[in-house]
Structure formats: structure tokens, C-alpha cells
Amino acid sequence: MGETRKNINGIDILDGDFSELDQANMIELLEEFPLKMRDALRLGEEFSIPTDFSPTSASNSVPAPSSTQSFKNIVVLGMGGSAISGDLLSDYLADELSIPIVVIRGYDIPKFVDENSLVFAVSYSGNTEETLSALKRCLEAKARVIALTSGGKFAALARENKFPVIKVPAGIQPRAAISYLFFPILKVLERIGIAKERHEETEETLNILQELSKEYDAKSPLKNNFAKKVAMSLYQHLPLIYGSEGLLEAVAMRWKTQINENSKWPCFWNVFSELDHNEIVGYEIENNINLQVKIVYLQDKEGILRVEQRREITRKIIEDKVAEFIVCPTRGKGKMARMFSLIFLGDLASYYLAILNQVDPSPVACIEDLKKELAK
């Protein structure tokens, strides 16, 4: 896939030493995903859940629900890399929970957020403007709040309003801290009885991620490294990431945002079956734009058969109108392994695409410039 491109020597670049380009050593953070996952699970296990979150306790300020199932909704506040954890949780737990998980990206909150809402306010930095605003409104609505942050204004607000905080390690790019923003929430939901425990799934996921970490390692040569091959194929093209309804919808969004932030490159995403009702028509007219498109299909090998049939028919209709149609299958049997095997692949592919683009994957100068202008 892509090795024969003539304007760069991908082997020299991707199989060389790029430590000088990767100033913050992001590759180490990415390759340590299994270790970070274990640490994140530990944080969720050790977190002291307030007594008023349990079925038999009460709080002086907010009436406790008669049981954990009295929560009518779970709300995740966040932006960017801090919000994706909520999307992933919503997809992951969709066939298990009897109450919805709603992700709120923005300054305000819907009217349904009230004392029966369980709110996870997620801001890695603790200073995200929109999330701080939404958090204050949740407190006004007397929702039960747990914050996930490394510090910042969130920590001060927590001390003032006496809501609990899961403190995650500082010094990591938010998008590289996905373990710390997903697994503690999942573990809390398990411990208060909203979600079931999943020891076997967790162990399978850790084992598969350890295998993939070796396969996608920076020292693993291009010819044997699928993450590098995907990056080579996407180089100098417009990536479109297609997921599938259910488990891989948020994963497709994650790929898109990782390519934006790590690779400094435009990327878009959509989902089967929805794209078969609109986006497919965009390929009818042959044009130079479509010929620059490379479609990455995230394939759930344990997913809905009808979706796979749609994908194959769609591929036949459009494959000669785009540059390439790349299939990236899940690994493992359990939902967690399938989801995180493709998250891990996308993270590493976006990193290697950054190297091909000759940019440091860590800085996000445009976002920092925007924040400076807003602060004036």
C-alpha cells in the first residue's frame, strides 16, 4: 500500500531516526498505551466514590437516588481530545445501559440535566473554557458531578463546590491521554453498578495492545508495519475515514481528529449506513478532488453482517472513482479489544503520517493561536 510513491522515500523516512522531529517524544506515549491503560484502570479502582452516589446513602445538599438506576442519564462534558472518551463510552455501552450517555461539547447544557444526572466533566488541562462554563451550569442544576482533570481551574472549582476529582497525570497532550479519560469513567460506572464488570475483556484488550505495540513499533520496518503502510498510503491524499454504526462510529471520529492534530492534515469521517443515503452520491461525477481521496474503512469483524454487505457494494460502486479503498479490520473478540485495536492503529498511523509530512506531531499551533486571540 503506497510504497511506490516517487516524491518521497518512505522507507528512508519511516525506517529512519525521527527523534529530532518528534521533540516531545510522542512515539513513546503512544507505544506505552498498554501501560497507560493499566494505570488508568488503577485510578478508577482507587477513586473514592462519594457516599451519596451509592444506593443506600444520602447527601445533605442533593437527594441521593434510591438506587444507582435512578440516574436518568449520564452526561460527559468535554471538548476535543477530552470529549472523545464520552463518545467512545456511549458506543461501547450502548447495548448494555438502559439510560443514555450524552456528550455535551459547548458552553451550555440541555434542560434535562438535573439532580438525576450523573455528570463526568472532562478537561485534561482543567482550563477548557467551554467545559468550565457547562460544568458551572451542571452544578447549578444540582447534578452529581465527577471531574477528570490534571488540575487547572477544575481543581479550584472542585474545592469550592466539594465535588470529587479523578486526577490524571499531567504533562501529556490531551489526545494522547485517552486511556486516562476513558477507563476511569468506565471503572466508576462498573463500581456503582451501572455497567457490568469486564475482567476478561480488559485482559484481552491489554494482550492485543501489547502485541500491536510490537507490530507498530517505530523500529518495526515499513514492510512489516501496517500502521506505517497506512500512513504511506495516505500521504499527500485526502483521507476519508468510514466507520460503522455502533462500536466504530466514535473510533472513526477519533481517526479524523488524530490525523488533524498529529499529522496537521485535513481529514473527514462518516459512518455506514448513513453515508449510503447521501455521501455515496458525491462520487457520481468524476473529478480531480475524488481522485485525491483515500477511503479508510474501519471494519468490525464481529459487526453487523448487513453493514458489511453495504460496505462491499459501496466499495464496488466507488472504488474506481477514488485513489484507494483501504480496509482496516478490528483485532480480538470482545468489544473493548475491537474498539481499542483500531484506536491504537489510528493513533500510530497519524503519528507516522506526521513524520512523512515532516512535522512535529505534538504542537497544535493553530489552537494555541486561537486561544491567544480569544483571551485578548
Protein backbone atom coordinates (compact mmCIF):
# COMPACT_ATOMS: atom_id res chain seq x y z
CA MET A 1 0.00 0.00 0.00
CA GLY A 2 1.67 3.21 -1.16
CA GLU A 3 5.33 2.07 -1.08
CA THR A 4 5.97 3.02 -4.72
CA ARG A 5 5.34 6.77 -4.40
CA LYS A 6 8.21 8.61 -6.06
CA ASN A 7 8.18 12.05 -4.49
CA ILE A 8 9.48 10.76 -1.15
CA ASN A 9 11.43 7.78 0.06
CA GLY A 10 9.09 6.44 2.69
CA ILE A 11 11.45 3.68 3.73
CA ASP A 12 14.25 6.14 4.48
CA ILE A 13 11.90 8.39 6.45
CA LEU A 14 9.74 5.87 8.34
CA ASP A 15 12.51 3.38 8.98
CA GLY A 16 14.97 6.09 9.96
CA ASP A 17 15.56 8.06 13.14
CA PHE A 18 12.92 10.76 13.61
CA SER A 19 13.67 11.65 17.23
CA GLU A 20 14.87 15.09 16.15
CA LEU A 21 11.47 15.79 14.57
CA ASP A 22 9.45 14.33 17.47
CA GLN A 23 10.62 16.84 20.06
CA ALA A 24 8.17 15.76 22.78
CA ASN A 25 8.75 12.05 22.14
CA MET A 26 5.08 11.34 21.40
CA ILE A 27 6.01 7.93 19.98
CA GLU A 28 6.88 6.76 23.49
CA LEU A 29 3.48 7.86 24.82
CA LEU A 30 1.70 6.06 22.00
CA GLU A 31 3.69 2.86 22.28
CA GLU A 32 3.12 2.78 26.06
CA PHE A 33 -0.65 2.60 25.62
CA PRO A 34 -0.96 -0.79 27.41
CA LEU A 35 0.94 0.57 30.43
CA LYS A 36 -1.17 3.73 30.48
CA MET A 37 -4.32 1.62 30.27
CA ARG A 38 -3.32 -0.39 33.34
CA ASP A 39 -2.56 2.81 35.25
CA ALA A 40 -5.87 4.36 34.19
CA LEU A 41 -7.77 1.29 35.40
CA ARG A 42 -5.96 1.60 38.72
CA LEU A 43 -7.08 5.23 39.04
CA GLY A 44 -10.69 4.16 38.53
CA GLU A 45 -10.33 1.37 41.09
CA GLU A 46 -8.73 3.58 43.74
CA PHE A 47 -11.03 6.58 43.26
CA SER A 48 -13.09 7.22 46.37
CA ILE A 49 -16.71 7.29 45.22
CA PRO A 50 -18.80 9.71 47.30
CA THR A 51 -21.30 8.04 49.62
CA ASP A 52 -24.23 9.88 48.04
CA PHE A 53 -23.53 8.05 44.75
CA SER A 54 -24.34 4.72 46.37
CA PRO A 55 -27.84 3.23 46.53
CA THR A 56 -28.13 3.37 50.32
CA SER A 57 -26.60 6.74 51.18
CA ALA A 58 -27.78 10.31 51.15
CA SER A 59 -26.23 13.75 50.87
CA ASN A 60 -27.29 16.86 52.73
CA SER A 61 -27.15 19.01 49.62
CA VAL A 62 -28.57 16.72 46.94
CA PRO A 63 -31.03 13.86 47.49
CA ALA A 64 -29.44 10.53 46.62
CA PRO A 65 -31.25 8.31 44.16
CA SER A 66 -32.96 5.29 45.71
CA SER A 67 -30.73 3.12 43.55
CA THR A 68 -28.00 3.71 41.01
CA GLN A 69 -30.54 3.02 38.30
CA SER A 70 -32.38 6.18 39.42
CA PHE A 71 -29.88 8.14 37.40
CA LYS A 72 -31.85 9.10 34.32
CA ASN A 73 -28.87 9.95 32.17
CA ILE A 74 -25.09 10.07 32.09
CA VAL A 75 -23.58 13.29 30.76
CA VAL A 76 -19.99 13.75 29.62
CA LEU A 77 -18.78 17.34 29.28
CA GLY A 78 -15.71 17.99 27.18
CA MET A 79 -14.08 19.35 24.06
CA GLY A 80 -11.66 17.85 21.58
CA GLY A 81 -9.48 15.06 22.90
CA SER A 82 -11.22 15.26 26.27
CA ALA A 83 -14.70 14.73 24.80
CA ILE A 84 -13.99 11.68 22.66
CA SER A 85 -13.99 9.48 25.78
CA GLY A 86 -17.71 10.14 26.14
CA ASP A 87 -18.41 9.23 22.52
CA LEU A 88 -16.43 6.02 22.88
CA LEU A 89 -18.22 5.11 26.10
CA SER A 90 -21.60 5.77 24.52
CA ASP A 91 -20.81 3.41 21.64
CA TYR A 92 -19.16 0.83 23.88
CA LEU A 93 -22.02 0.61 26.40
CA ALA A 94 -24.94 1.20 24.03
CA ASP A 95 -26.21 -2.38 24.12
CA GLU A 96 -25.83 -2.62 27.89
CA LEU A 97 -27.16 0.54 29.54
CA SER A 98 -30.83 1.36 29.96
CA ILE A 99 -30.03 5.07 30.26
CA PRO A 100 -28.32 7.25 27.63
CA ILE A 101 -24.82 8.67 27.66
CA VAL A 102 -24.95 12.20 26.24
CA VAL A 103 -21.81 14.08 25.23
CA ILE A 104 -22.00 17.87 25.51
CA ARG A 105 -19.47 19.94 23.63
CA GLY A 106 -20.07 23.59 24.39
CA TYR A 107 -20.81 26.31 26.92
CA ASP A 108 -24.38 25.38 27.84
CA ILE A 109 -26.29 22.28 28.87
CA PRO A 110 -29.71 20.88 27.91
CA LYS A 111 -32.68 21.34 30.23
CA PHE A 112 -32.85 17.62 31.05
CA VAL A 113 -29.65 17.84 33.14
CA ASP A 114 -30.80 17.85 36.77
CA GLU A 115 -30.32 16.13 40.14
CA ASN A 116 -30.90 12.77 38.46
CA SER A 117 -27.98 13.26 36.07
CA LEU A 118 -24.55 11.73 36.59
CA VAL A 119 -22.05 14.15 35.05
CA PHE A 120 -18.43 13.45 34.16
CA ALA A 121 -16.74 16.78 33.46
CA VAL A 122 -13.63 16.02 31.43
CA SER A 123 -10.91 18.58 30.79
CA TYR A 124 -7.37 17.29 30.69
CA SER A 125 -5.92 20.73 31.32
CA GLY A 126 -8.68 21.75 33.70
CA ASN A 127 -8.95 25.08 31.92
CA THR A 128 -11.14 24.36 28.91
CA GLU A 129 -13.35 27.42 28.59
CA GLU A 130 -16.47 25.72 27.23
CA THR A 131 -16.33 22.81 29.67
CA LEU A 132 -15.86 25.10 32.67
CA SER A 133 -18.97 27.01 31.65
CA ALA A 134 -21.02 23.83 31.19
CA LEU A 135 -19.73 22.44 34.49
CA LYS A 136 -20.93 25.51 36.39
CA ARG A 137 -24.37 25.08 34.86
CA CYS A 138 -24.44 21.42 35.89
CA LEU A 139 -23.65 22.44 39.46
CA GLU A 140 -26.48 24.98 39.34
CA ALA A 141 -28.76 22.17 38.14
CA LYS A 142 -27.65 20.10 41.19
CA ALA A 143 -26.39 17.25 39.05
CA ARG A 144 -23.95 14.79 40.58
CA VAL A 145 -20.53 15.66 39.21
CA ILE A 146 -17.23 13.85 38.94
CA ALA A 147 -14.36 15.68 37.24
CA LEU A 148 -11.46 14.18 35.34
CA THR A 149 -8.52 16.56 35.04
CA SER A 150 -4.83 17.04 35.66
CA GLY A 151 -5.51 20.27 37.59
CA GLY A 152 -6.15 23.85 36.47
CA LYS A 153 -9.35 25.77 37.23
CA PHE A 154 -11.27 22.50 37.58
CA ALA A 155 -9.33 21.69 40.74
CA ALA A 156 -10.13 25.08 42.29
CA LEU A 157 -13.81 24.75 41.35
CA ALA A 158 -13.90 21.28 42.91
CA ARG A 159 -12.52 22.55 46.21
CA GLU A 160 -15.03 25.37 46.25
CA ASN A 161 -18.05 23.21 45.40
CA LYS A 162 -16.89 19.97 47.05
CA PHE A 163 -17.29 17.63 44.10
CA PRO A 164 -14.85 14.75 43.58
CA VAL A 165 -11.97 14.73 41.11
CA ILE A 166 -10.16 11.89 39.42
CA LYS A 167 -6.73 13.43 39.00
CA VAL A 168 -4.88 12.18 35.94
CA PRO A 169 -1.14 12.56 35.25
CA ALA A 170 -0.10 15.95 33.88
CA GLY A 171 2.26 16.72 31.03
CA ILE A 172 0.58 14.74 28.24
CA GLN A 173 -1.17 16.03 25.14
CA PRO A 174 -4.92 15.52 25.85
CA ARG A 175 -5.35 13.41 22.72
CA ALA A 176 -2.55 11.11 23.93
CA ALA A 177 -4.25 10.72 27.33
CA ILE A 178 -7.26 8.78 26.02
CA SER A 179 -6.61 5.89 28.47
CA TYR A 180 -6.88 8.25 31.42
CA LEU A 181 -10.06 9.86 30.11
CA PHE A 182 -11.92 6.62 29.23
CA PHE A 183 -11.06 3.82 31.64
CA PRO A 184 -11.55 5.64 34.97
CA ILE A 185 -15.09 6.58 33.89
CA LEU A 186 -15.82 3.02 32.81
CA LYS A 187 -14.47 1.68 36.09
CA VAL A 188 -16.60 4.11 38.14
CA LEU A 189 -19.71 3.06 36.20
CA GLU A 190 -18.87 -0.56 36.99
CA ARG A 191 -18.29 0.11 40.67
CA ILE A 192 -21.58 1.93 41.21
CA GLY A 193 -23.47 -0.80 39.42
CA ILE A 194 -24.48 0.99 36.22
CA ALA A 195 -22.21 -1.10 33.98
CA LYS A 196 -21.13 -4.71 34.39
CA GLU A 197 -17.58 -5.68 35.27
CA ARG A 198 -15.47 -6.99 32.40
CA HIS A 199 -12.23 -8.60 33.55
CA GLU A 200 -11.88 -10.95 30.56
CA GLU A 201 -12.45 -8.16 28.03
CA THR A 202 -9.90 -5.98 29.78
CA GLU A 203 -7.22 -8.67 29.78
CA GLU A 204 -7.87 -9.50 26.13
CA THR A 205 -7.52 -5.83 25.24
CA LEU A 206 -4.26 -5.45 27.15
CA ASN A 207 -2.81 -8.56 25.48
CA ILE A 208 -3.80 -7.42 21.99
CA LEU A 209 -2.46 -3.90 22.55
CA GLN A 210 0.84 -5.35 23.71
CA GLU A 211 1.03 -7.41 20.51
CA LEU A 212 0.14 -4.41 18.36
CA SER A 213 2.67 -2.24 20.17
CA LYS A 214 5.39 -4.56 18.88
CA GLU A 215 3.90 -4.74 15.37
CA TYR A 216 3.56 -0.95 15.03
CA ASP A 217 6.78 -0.10 16.88
CA ALA A 218 8.90 2.64 15.33
CA LYS A 219 11.70 0.10 14.95
CA SER A 220 9.45 -2.29 13.05
CA PRO A 221 10.22 -1.80 9.31
CA LEU A 222 7.71 -0.44 6.85
CA LYS A 223 7.37 -3.76 5.04
CA ASN A 224 6.07 -5.42 8.25
CA ASN A 225 4.33 -2.45 9.87
CA PHE A 226 0.68 -1.92 8.95
CA ALA A 227 0.48 1.45 10.71
CA LYS A 228 3.38 2.74 8.62
CA LYS A 229 1.80 1.30 5.47
CA VAL A 230 -1.47 3.13 6.14
CA ALA A 231 0.45 6.37 6.68
CA MET A 232 2.38 5.89 3.44
CA SER A 233 -0.84 5.30 1.55
CA LEU A 234 -2.49 8.44 2.97
CA TYR A 235 0.50 10.69 2.33
CA GLN A 236 -0.40 13.63 0.06
CA HIS A 237 -4.01 12.43 -0.27
CA LEU A 238 -7.32 13.40 1.33
CA PRO A 239 -8.29 10.75 3.91
CA LEU A 240 -11.95 9.88 4.45
CA ILE A 241 -12.48 7.62 7.44
CA TYR A 242 -15.56 5.42 7.26
CA GLY A 243 -16.73 3.66 10.42
CA SER A 244 -19.83 1.61 11.01
CA GLU A 245 -22.84 2.21 13.18
CA GLY A 246 -22.43 1.12 16.75
CA LEU A 247 -18.98 0.24 18.02
CA LEU A 248 -16.81 2.06 15.47
CA GLU A 249 -18.64 5.35 14.96
CA ALA A 250 -16.64 7.31 17.53
CA VAL A 251 -13.48 5.44 16.51
CA ALA A 252 -13.84 6.90 13.01
CA MET A 253 -14.13 10.37 14.55
CA ARG A 254 -11.04 9.65 16.63
CA TRP A 255 -9.05 8.78 13.48
CA LYS A 256 -10.17 12.01 11.85
CA THR A 257 -9.15 14.22 14.76
CA GLN A 258 -5.83 12.42 15.26
CA ILE A 259 -4.91 13.00 11.62
CA ASN A 260 -5.91 16.65 12.02
CA GLU A 261 -3.87 17.24 15.17
CA ASN A 262 -0.95 14.85 14.86
CA SER A 263 -0.44 14.91 11.09
CA LYS A 264 -1.53 18.56 10.60
CA TRP A 265 -3.65 17.38 7.68
CA PRO A 266 -7.30 17.71 6.63
CA CYS A 267 -9.40 14.59 7.16
CA PHE A 268 -13.11 13.79 7.27
CA TRP A 269 -15.27 10.94 8.54
CA ASN A 270 -18.65 9.31 8.10
CA VAL A 271 -20.49 6.16 9.08
CA PHE A 272 -22.18 3.22 7.39
CA SER A 273 -25.13 3.01 6.85
CA GLU A 274 -25.79 6.76 6.92
CA LEU A 275 -23.29 7.56 4.18
CA ASP A 276 -25.16 5.26 1.80
CA HIS A 277 -28.08 7.69 1.99
CA ASN A 278 -26.17 10.79 0.92
CA GLU A 279 -22.35 10.82 0.68
CA ILE A 280 -22.19 7.99 -1.86
CA VAL A 281 -23.85 10.30 -4.40
CA GLY A 282 -20.87 12.66 -4.13
CA TYR A 283 -18.82 10.19 -6.15
CA GLU A 284 -21.12 10.15 -9.18
CA ILE A 285 -19.24 12.84 -11.11
CA GLU A 286 -15.63 12.03 -11.86
CA ASN A 287 -13.39 14.90 -10.79
CA ASN A 288 -9.88 15.66 -9.62
CA ILE A 289 -10.95 16.03 -5.99
CA ASN A 290 -12.32 12.49 -5.74
CA LEU A 291 -9.15 11.16 -7.33
CA GLN A 292 -7.22 12.54 -4.33
CA VAL A 293 -9.47 10.70 -1.87
CA LYS A 294 -8.31 7.63 0.02
CA ILE A 295 -11.05 5.90 1.96
CA VAL A 296 -10.11 4.09 5.15
CA TYR A 297 -12.83 1.65 6.16
CA LEU A 298 -12.74 0.56 9.78
CA GLN A 299 -14.09 -2.97 9.66
CA ASP A 300 -15.69 -4.55 12.72
CA LYS A 301 -15.05 -8.25 12.15
CA GLU A 302 -17.75 -9.09 14.71
CA GLY A 303 -20.15 -6.41 13.49
CA ILE A 304 -23.50 -6.37 11.72
CA LEU A 305 -23.49 -8.56 8.60
CA ARG A 306 -25.80 -6.21 6.71
CA VAL A 307 -23.35 -3.34 7.24
CA GLU A 308 -20.56 -5.45 5.75
CA GLN A 309 -22.75 -6.18 2.74
CA ARG A 310 -23.39 -2.47 2.30
CA ARG A 311 -19.69 -1.72 2.60
CA GLU A 312 -18.76 -4.21 -0.09
CA ILE A 313 -21.44 -2.96 -2.51
CA THR A 314 -20.40 0.65 -1.83
CA ARG A 315 -16.77 -0.22 -2.48
CA LYS A 316 -17.65 -1.73 -5.85
CA ILE A 317 -19.61 1.39 -6.81
CA ILE A 318 -16.97 3.96 -5.88
CA GLU A 319 -13.55 2.28 -5.86
CA ASP A 320 -12.66 3.31 -9.42
CA LYS A 321 -13.59 6.93 -8.63
CA VAL A 322 -11.22 7.36 -5.69
CA ALA A 323 -7.50 6.79 -5.28
CA GLU A 324 -7.78 3.81 -2.92
CA PHE A 325 -10.13 1.94 -0.59
CA ILE A 326 -8.20 0.67 2.45
CA VAL A 327 -9.74 -1.84 4.88
CA CYS A 328 -8.54 -1.81 8.49
CA PRO A 329 -10.04 -4.72 10.45
CA THR A 330 -10.51 -4.99 14.20
CA ARG A 331 -8.49 -7.40 16.31
CA GLY A 332 -9.95 -9.57 19.06
CA LYS A 333 -13.37 -10.88 20.01
CA GLY A 334 -14.55 -8.58 22.79
CA LYS A 335 -15.91 -5.10 22.13
CA MET A 336 -13.12 -3.39 24.05
CA ALA A 337 -10.35 -5.11 22.11
CA ARG A 338 -12.05 -4.44 18.79
CA MET A 339 -12.54 -0.77 19.60
CA PHE A 340 -9.09 -0.07 21.02
CA SER A 341 -7.18 -2.10 18.45
CA LEU A 342 -8.37 0.36 15.80
CA ILE A 343 -7.88 3.41 18.03
CA PHE A 344 -4.29 2.29 18.52
CA LEU A 345 -3.79 1.76 14.78
CA GLY A 346 -5.20 5.21 14.02
CA ASP A 347 -3.02 6.88 16.62
CA LEU A 348 0.15 5.30 15.24
CA ALA A 349 -0.82 5.83 11.57
CA SER A 350 -1.46 9.53 12.25
CA TYR A 351 1.90 9.77 14.00
CA TYR A 352 3.75 8.22 11.05
CA LEU A 353 1.84 10.48 8.66
CA ALA A 354 3.15 13.44 10.68
CA ILE A 355 6.68 12.12 10.18
CA LEU A 356 6.09 11.83 6.44
CA ASN A 357 4.76 15.40 6.48
CA GLN A 358 7.95 16.42 8.30
CA VAL A 359 6.10 18.00 11.23
CA ASP A 360 6.38 17.51 14.96
CA PRO A 361 3.16 15.65 15.92
CA SER A 362 2.80 17.24 19.37
CA PRO A 363 2.33 21.03 18.95
CA VAL A 364 -1.04 22.39 17.83
CA ALA A 365 -0.04 25.95 16.94
CA CYS A 366 -3.35 26.92 15.34
CA ILE A 367 -5.29 26.02 18.50
CA GLU A 368 -2.86 27.94 20.70
CA ASP A 369 -3.08 30.98 18.39
CA LEU A 370 -6.86 30.83 18.58
CA LYS A 371 -6.79 30.74 22.38
CA LYS A 372 -4.45 33.75 22.49
CA GLU A 373 -6.77 35.77 20.25
CA LEU A 374 -9.82 34.83 22.34
CA ALA A 375 -8.00 35.88 25.51
CA LYS A 376 -7.44 39.44 24.25
